[in-house]
Amino acid sequence: MSVAALAATLAVVVIGSLLIGSTVASPSALFDPSHVDHAVLVKRWERTLLGLAVGAAFALAGACMQGLTRNPLADPGLLGVNAGAAFAMATAIAYLGAHSLGQFIWYGFAGAAAAAVVVHLVASVGRDGATPAKLTIAGAALTAGLSSWTTGVLLLDREAVEQIRRWQVGTVAGRDSDVLMTVALPLALGAVLALAMAGALNTLALGDDLARGLGRRTAVDRVVVGLAIVLLAGTGTAVAGPIAFIGLVVPHVVRRLVGGDYKRILPFSAGYGGALVVAADTVGRVVLPPAEVQVGVMATVIGVPVLIWVVSRGRRAGL
């Protein structure tokens, strides 16, 4: 897999996202304010940028999660990120009077961060600290509990159901440039932390004992990687909803193509994660006209066959 192939893929999906929708727009309209399609292309450009950012965030978080737990089928939801965001947003709508997208973003991020912290604290109890197995078990347990509580809140408040329903499916529609600017800092910080920890993830993949023998402070490494996951997946989930399969499928496929070096897995995952979200969003605009299919649904439709294909190839190859 080459940088040129990634660049070409991104160029194709971005151009497609700008031009394809309920109407086919002219490319020249983006640079001509007087053109009838100019306003449409500006909105699609904002939507495309958000899709690239969210997709990159979920894929980077998924790659970090798989490295942190040494589980190639892990995804950001394993730390309770999605469940924490959903519970915080449902509670804020039902009991704290939240009603705007700007409020939803911060409540969702706070819930995601709190859930990840609780998972890490629970997993840290006992000998050996927060091992991959203990993180997985603690995350699954908290996710189950928070999901049940969220359902309880929604059953008691019909307004919360209506407001959170669209977010739960996963969408980048209806967000303007102000939303992207709001989440740009935490996404950028999370991406920098994740990419900076590529070497640490390579070492952690060798096992904790060997990593410590090579001079790594594994507990600190896990905390920093966990913070990157929270910033990326928490912010992405808060702004676009829990878009499934991006954090699972993209790093898994990239690993098969570029090998096990996280210095290559992480940047390629970010690029292809953004491309997949934008492509899924574009297809969702035209597959059932005049309605749109949300990107969360389309990402699952695309992701499931890809994952099955990759797994079946791995089995045939004896992997």
Protein backbone atom coordinates (compact mmCIF):
# COMPACT_ATOMS: atom_id res chain seq x y z
CA MET A 1 0.00 0.00 0.00
CA SER A 2 1.48 3.35 -1.03
CA VAL A 3 0.93 6.97 -0.10
CA ALA A 4 0.02 7.63 -3.74
CA ALA A 5 -2.82 5.09 -3.58
CA LEU A 6 -4.15 6.70 -0.41
CA ALA A 7 -3.94 10.19 -1.93
CA ALA A 8 -5.77 9.02 -5.06
CA THR A 9 -8.49 7.37 -2.96
CA LEU A 10 -8.99 10.52 -0.91
CA ALA A 11 -9.12 12.67 -4.05
CA VAL A 12 -11.78 10.45 -5.63
CA VAL A 13 -14.04 10.31 -2.57
CA VAL A 14 -13.74 14.06 -1.89
CA ILE A 15 -14.58 14.98 -5.48
CA GLY A 16 -17.45 12.49 -5.46
CA SER A 17 -18.77 13.92 -2.20
CA LEU A 18 -18.73 17.45 -3.59
CA LEU A 19 -20.43 16.61 -6.87
CA ILE A 20 -22.85 13.80 -5.99
CA GLY A 21 -26.09 14.23 -4.08
CA SER A 22 -29.75 14.85 -4.75
CA THR A 23 -28.44 16.97 -7.63
CA VAL A 24 -25.17 16.68 -9.54
CA ALA A 25 -23.22 19.92 -9.11
CA SER A 26 -20.73 21.58 -11.41
CA PRO A 27 -17.11 21.64 -10.07
CA SER A 28 -16.67 25.23 -11.26
CA ALA A 29 -19.39 26.34 -8.84
CA LEU A 30 -17.01 25.96 -5.87
CA PHE A 31 -14.90 28.88 -7.12
CA ASP A 32 -17.72 30.97 -8.59
CA PRO A 33 -19.91 32.57 -5.87
CA SER A 34 -22.43 33.63 -8.46
CA HIS A 35 -22.99 30.08 -9.71
CA VAL A 36 -26.36 28.55 -8.82
CA ASP A 37 -24.65 25.48 -7.29
CA HIS A 38 -22.15 27.42 -5.17
CA ALA A 39 -24.10 27.29 -1.90
CA VAL A 40 -24.71 23.56 -2.36
CA LEU A 41 -21.02 22.85 -2.88
CA VAL A 42 -20.04 24.93 0.15
CA LYS A 43 -22.36 22.89 2.37
CA ARG A 44 -21.08 19.65 0.87
CA TRP A 45 -17.50 20.81 1.43
CA GLU A 46 -18.20 21.41 5.14
CA ARG A 47 -19.88 18.01 5.37
CA THR A 48 -16.98 16.35 3.57
CA LEU A 49 -14.37 17.89 5.88
CA LEU A 50 -16.31 16.73 8.92
CA GLY A 51 -16.60 13.23 7.44
CA LEU A 52 -12.85 13.09 6.84
CA ALA A 53 -12.13 14.26 10.38
CA VAL A 54 -14.60 11.90 12.05
CA GLY A 55 -13.55 8.91 9.94
CA ALA A 56 -9.87 9.53 10.65
CA ALA A 57 -10.63 9.88 14.36
CA PHE A 58 -12.58 6.61 14.60
CA ALA A 59 -10.01 4.67 12.57
CA LEU A 60 -7.07 6.05 14.57
CA ALA A 61 -8.86 5.29 17.82
CA GLY A 62 -9.63 1.77 16.61
CA ALA A 63 -6.01 1.12 15.65
CA CYS A 64 -4.86 2.37 19.07
CA MET A 65 -7.50 0.23 20.80
CA GLN A 66 -6.37 -2.86 18.92
CA GLY A 67 -2.76 -2.16 19.84
CA LEU A 68 -3.59 -1.39 23.46
CA THR A 69 -5.56 -4.62 23.98
CA ARG A 70 -3.51 -6.72 21.54
CA ASN A 71 -6.85 -7.70 20.01
CA PRO A 72 -7.14 -7.20 16.22
CA LEU A 73 -10.94 -7.14 16.47
CA ALA A 74 -11.21 -4.48 19.17
CA ASP A 75 -12.86 -1.13 18.48
CA PRO A 76 -13.23 2.16 20.43
CA GLY A 77 -16.53 1.04 21.92
CA LEU A 78 -14.60 -1.52 23.95
CA LEU A 79 -13.61 1.21 26.42
CA GLY A 80 -17.24 2.19 26.93
CA VAL A 81 -16.76 5.35 24.85
CA ASN A 82 -19.95 5.01 22.79
CA ALA A 83 -22.07 3.90 25.73
CA GLY A 84 -20.74 6.70 27.93
CA ALA A 85 -21.49 9.35 25.31
CA ALA A 86 -25.02 8.01 24.72
CA PHE A 87 -25.82 7.88 28.44
CA ALA A 88 -24.51 11.41 29.06
CA MET A 89 -26.48 12.84 26.15
CA ALA A 90 -29.71 11.06 27.09
CA THR A 91 -29.36 12.25 30.69
CA ALA A 92 -28.58 15.83 29.62
CA ILE A 93 -31.61 15.96 27.32
CA ALA A 94 -33.98 14.42 29.85
CA TYR A 95 -32.86 16.17 33.03
CA LEU A 96 -30.51 19.07 32.23
CA GLY A 97 -32.42 20.80 29.44
CA ALA A 98 -29.83 20.26 26.69
CA HIS A 99 -31.30 20.97 23.26
CA SER A 100 -28.60 22.26 20.91
CA LEU A 101 -25.90 20.42 18.97
CA GLY A 102 -23.20 22.46 20.70
CA GLN A 103 -24.39 21.22 24.09
CA PHE A 104 -24.72 17.64 22.85
CA ILE A 105 -21.08 17.62 21.75
CA TRP A 106 -19.70 18.54 25.16
CA TYR A 107 -22.05 16.32 27.15
CA GLY A 108 -21.25 13.43 24.83
CA PHE A 109 -17.52 13.99 25.10
CA ALA A 110 -17.70 14.25 28.89
CA GLY A 111 -19.64 10.99 29.08
CA ALA A 112 -17.20 9.22 26.79
CA ALA A 113 -14.20 10.44 28.78
CA ALA A 114 -15.76 9.52 32.13
CA ALA A 115 -16.61 6.02 30.90
CA ALA A 116 -13.06 5.45 29.67
CA VAL A 117 -11.61 6.65 32.98
CA VAL A 118 -13.90 4.33 34.96
CA VAL A 119 -12.96 1.38 32.75
CA HIS A 120 -9.27 2.07 33.24
CA LEU A 121 -9.64 2.49 37.02
CA VAL A 122 -11.59 -0.75 37.35
CA ALA A 123 -9.10 -2.61 35.17
CA SER A 124 -6.21 -1.22 37.23
CA VAL A 125 -7.42 -2.88 40.43
CA GLY A 126 -5.39 -5.91 41.48
CA ARG A 127 -2.06 -7.30 40.44
CA ASP A 128 -0.50 -6.42 37.05
CA GLY A 129 -2.66 -3.31 36.62
CA ALA A 130 -4.75 -2.60 33.52
CA THR A 131 -3.88 -5.59 31.36
CA PRO A 132 -5.50 -6.03 27.92
CA ALA A 133 -7.81 -8.78 29.21
CA LYS A 134 -8.95 -6.73 32.21
CA LEU A 135 -9.56 -3.66 30.02
CA THR A 136 -11.71 -5.75 27.69
CA ILE A 137 -13.79 -7.25 30.52
CA ALA A 138 -14.23 -3.93 32.35
CA GLY A 139 -15.20 -2.16 29.11
CA ALA A 140 -17.76 -4.81 28.16
CA ALA A 141 -19.29 -4.73 31.65
CA LEU A 142 -19.57 -0.93 31.76
CA THR A 143 -20.97 -0.81 28.22
CA ALA A 144 -23.71 -3.27 29.18
CA GLY A 145 -24.59 -1.30 32.29
CA LEU A 146 -24.61 2.12 30.63
CA SER A 147 -26.65 0.82 27.69
CA SER A 148 -29.30 -0.45 30.11
CA TRP A 149 -29.40 2.87 31.97
CA THR A 150 -29.65 4.80 28.71
CA THR A 151 -32.61 2.66 27.67
CA GLY A 152 -34.24 3.36 31.02
CA VAL A 153 -33.82 7.13 30.63
CA LEU A 154 -35.20 7.06 27.09
CA LEU A 155 -38.23 5.01 28.14
CA LEU A 156 -39.12 7.70 30.66
CA ASP A 157 -38.65 10.71 28.38
CA ARG A 158 -40.13 10.81 24.87
CA GLU A 159 -38.37 14.10 24.03
CA ALA A 160 -35.01 12.49 24.74
CA VAL A 161 -35.93 9.62 22.41
CA GLU A 162 -36.71 11.98 19.53
CA GLN A 163 -33.57 14.07 19.97
CA ILE A 164 -31.12 11.22 20.44
CA ARG A 165 -32.57 8.85 17.84
CA ARG A 166 -30.89 10.50 14.84
CA TRP A 167 -27.59 10.85 16.68
CA GLN A 168 -27.55 7.16 17.63
CA VAL A 169 -27.71 6.11 13.97
CA GLY A 170 -24.60 8.15 13.15
CA THR A 171 -24.59 11.12 10.79
CA VAL A 172 -22.45 13.99 9.52
CA ALA A 173 -25.42 15.78 7.96
CA GLY A 174 -26.72 19.01 9.45
CA ARG A 175 -23.34 20.06 10.87
CA ASP A 176 -21.77 23.33 9.72
CA SER A 177 -18.23 24.67 9.85
CA ASP A 178 -18.72 25.93 13.41
CA VAL A 179 -19.11 22.33 14.60
CA LEU A 180 -15.86 21.31 12.92
CA MET A 181 -14.04 24.27 14.45
CA THR A 182 -15.42 23.34 17.87
CA VAL A 183 -14.02 19.81 17.73
CA ALA A 184 -10.84 20.56 15.75
CA LEU A 185 -8.60 21.03 18.81
CA PRO A 186 -9.45 17.79 20.67
CA LEU A 187 -9.32 15.82 17.41
CA ALA A 188 -5.94 17.29 16.49
CA LEU A 189 -4.54 16.68 19.97
CA GLY A 190 -5.79 13.10 19.93
CA ALA A 191 -4.26 12.49 16.51
CA VAL A 192 -0.88 13.90 17.58
CA LEU A 193 -0.86 11.74 20.72
CA ALA A 194 -1.85 8.63 18.77
CA LEU A 195 0.80 9.08 16.09
CA ALA A 196 3.44 9.89 18.71
CA MET A 197 2.68 6.58 20.48
CA ALA A 198 3.26 4.41 17.41
CA GLY A 199 6.58 3.21 18.74
CA ALA A 200 5.09 2.45 22.15
CA LEU A 201 2.32 0.40 20.51
CA ASN A 202 4.93 -1.58 18.58
CA THR A 203 6.67 -2.37 21.86
CA LEU A 204 3.45 -3.18 23.74
CA ALA A 205 2.63 -5.70 21.01
CA LEU A 206 5.62 -7.74 22.22
CA GLY A 207 4.03 -8.21 25.65
CA ASP A 208 4.27 -6.24 28.88
CA ASP A 209 7.27 -8.10 30.28
CA LEU A 210 9.39 -7.62 27.18
CA ALA A 211 8.22 -4.01 26.82
CA ARG A 212 9.34 -3.25 30.37
CA GLY A 213 12.59 -5.03 29.65
CA LEU A 214 13.12 -2.66 26.71
CA GLY A 215 12.69 0.32 29.00
CA ARG A 216 9.03 1.18 28.39
CA ARG A 217 6.86 2.35 31.25
CA THR A 218 3.87 0.32 30.20
CA ALA A 219 1.42 1.88 32.66
CA VAL A 220 2.23 5.38 31.40
CA ASP A 221 2.05 4.20 27.80
CA ARG A 222 -1.41 2.74 28.36
CA VAL A 223 -2.67 5.95 29.96
CA VAL A 224 -1.38 8.10 27.08
CA VAL A 225 -2.81 5.77 24.43
CA GLY A 226 -6.09 5.66 26.36
CA LEU A 227 -6.18 9.47 26.43
CA ALA A 228 -5.68 9.56 22.66
CA ILE A 229 -8.56 7.08 22.23
CA VAL A 230 -10.84 9.18 24.42
CA LEU A 231 -10.03 12.40 22.57
CA LEU A 232 -10.51 10.80 19.15
CA ALA A 233 -13.42 8.42 19.69
CA GLY A 234 -15.10 10.55 22.36
CA THR A 235 -15.14 13.67 20.22
CA GLY A 236 -16.07 11.76 17.06
CA THR A 237 -18.91 9.98 18.82
CA ALA A 238 -20.18 13.18 20.40
CA VAL A 239 -20.35 15.07 17.10
CA ALA A 240 -21.45 12.32 14.68
CA GLY A 241 -22.81 9.50 16.81
CA PRO A 242 -21.45 5.97 17.28
CA ILE A 243 -20.61 5.18 13.64
CA ALA A 244 -19.97 1.45 13.73
CA PHE A 245 -17.25 -0.59 12.01
CA ILE A 246 -14.91 2.30 11.09
CA GLY A 247 -12.68 1.71 14.10
CA LEU A 248 -12.89 -2.05 13.63
CA VAL A 249 -12.67 -2.66 9.89
CA VAL A 250 -10.24 0.02 8.70
CA PRO A 251 -7.29 -0.78 11.02
CA HIS A 252 -7.90 -4.50 10.55
CA VAL A 253 -7.74 -4.21 6.76
CA VAL A 254 -4.80 -1.80 6.85
CA ARG A 255 -2.83 -4.17 9.08
CA ARG A 256 -3.28 -6.94 6.50
CA LEU A 257 -1.96 -4.64 3.79
CA VAL A 258 0.96 -2.81 5.45
CA GLY A 259 2.06 -5.27 8.16
CA GLY A 260 2.27 -4.88 11.91
CA ASP A 261 4.26 -1.65 12.20
CA TYR A 262 2.08 0.96 13.90
CA LYS A 263 4.16 3.73 12.35
CA ARG A 264 2.44 2.73 9.10
CA ILE A 265 -0.84 1.37 10.49
CA LEU A 266 -1.83 4.62 12.22
CA PRO A 267 -1.45 7.15 9.37
CA PHE A 268 -2.91 4.80 6.75
CA SER A 269 -5.83 3.99 9.07
CA ALA A 270 -6.54 7.71 9.50
CA GLY A 271 -6.54 8.30 5.74
CA TYR A 272 -8.68 5.32 4.80
CA GLY A 273 -11.01 5.88 7.75
CA GLY A 274 -11.80 9.36 6.49
CA ALA A 275 -12.23 8.04 2.95
CA LEU A 276 -14.64 5.32 4.09
CA VAL A 277 -16.88 7.72 6.03
CA VAL A 278 -17.02 10.20 3.16
CA ALA A 279 -17.73 7.42 0.64
CA ALA A 280 -20.46 5.95 2.85
CA ASP A 281 -22.03 9.38 3.29
CA THR A 282 -21.98 10.01 -0.46
CA VAL A 283 -23.57 6.65 -1.30
CA GLY A 284 -26.19 7.23 1.39
CA ARG A 285 -27.35 10.40 -0.36
CA VAL A 286 -28.31 8.62 -3.58
CA VAL A 287 -29.15 5.02 -2.70
CA LEU A 288 -32.78 5.70 -1.69
CA PRO A 289 -33.82 9.04 -3.22
CA PRO A 290 -35.23 11.45 -2.25
CA ALA A 291 -34.39 10.39 1.33
CA GLU A 292 -30.85 10.01 2.70
CA VAL A 293 -29.51 6.89 4.41
CA GLN A 294 -27.41 7.94 7.39
CA VAL A 295 -23.68 7.35 7.24
CA GLY A 296 -23.80 5.05 10.27
CA VAL A 297 -26.08 2.67 8.37
CA MET A 298 -24.04 2.82 5.17
CA ALA A 299 -20.76 2.30 7.04
CA THR A 300 -22.18 -0.92 8.48
CA VAL A 301 -23.49 -2.05 5.08
CA ILE A 302 -20.04 -1.50 3.57
CA GLY A 303 -18.01 -2.65 6.58
CA VAL A 304 -19.61 -6.03 7.26
CA PRO A 305 -18.88 -7.58 3.82
CA VAL A 306 -15.34 -6.17 3.87
CA LEU A 307 -14.66 -7.65 7.28
CA ILE A 308 -16.07 -11.03 6.25
CA TRP A 309 -13.92 -10.98 3.10
CA VAL A 310 -10.77 -10.11 5.04
CA VAL A 311 -11.40 -12.79 7.67
CA SER A 312 -12.13 -15.42 5.02
CA ARG A 313 -8.93 -14.55 3.16
CA GLY A 314 -6.99 -14.81 6.39
CA ARG A 315 -8.40 -18.26 7.08
CA ARG A 316 -7.58 -19.49 3.59
CA ALA A 317 -4.05 -18.18 4.05
CA GLY A 318 -3.79 -19.92 7.38
CA LEU A 319 -3.54 -16.69 9.34
